[in-house]
């Protein structure tokens, strides 16, 4: 499968993806990509975020590829049971945040708990860092396996965002290309 053959839905996390974030850059670079906007990036509402993602998937005119980061991963996993069957062909899930166990998260973020552990109805690739401040590698790996996802060990990459030095994140594009090749 090629990106040009898909509607690429980009799902940012808490606070959205600033201009320098790899998701914002990819949205500009991928001709079929679009960021699924939320009403309030800084005060997320779990039900509203899920509904917005389901609407975007339902309105897609081609097969869908999801590219989620942080809280966008949790919202995508929670929304998955409501997607029309067979529309989502794959998902790149980056820097899953442990909304169940990470201390000091805003209440609007922890309101996304619990995180489902049911297998996802589409192939997925979870990219996890060994030193992500929002989730231990072991916990991310555990969730990924419950979802039936392939896990990519990103080493010590922080939260895989601008603050951790991941602006354009070319390694992520390479991972995405390899993943798409196998769909």
Foldseek 3Di string as FASTA:
>chain_A
DDLVQAQEEEEEAAPGAPCQKQSNVVQVVRPNYDYQDAPHSHQDALVRLLVSVQVVLVPIPGAYEYEYAELSLQSCQVNQVSHDPPRHAEYEYEQYFCLCDQPPDDPSSVVSDDRDLAAGNHEYEYEHECAASRDHPVVSVNSCVSNVYHYDYPYHQYRCTVVSPNGNPVVVVVVVVVVVVVD
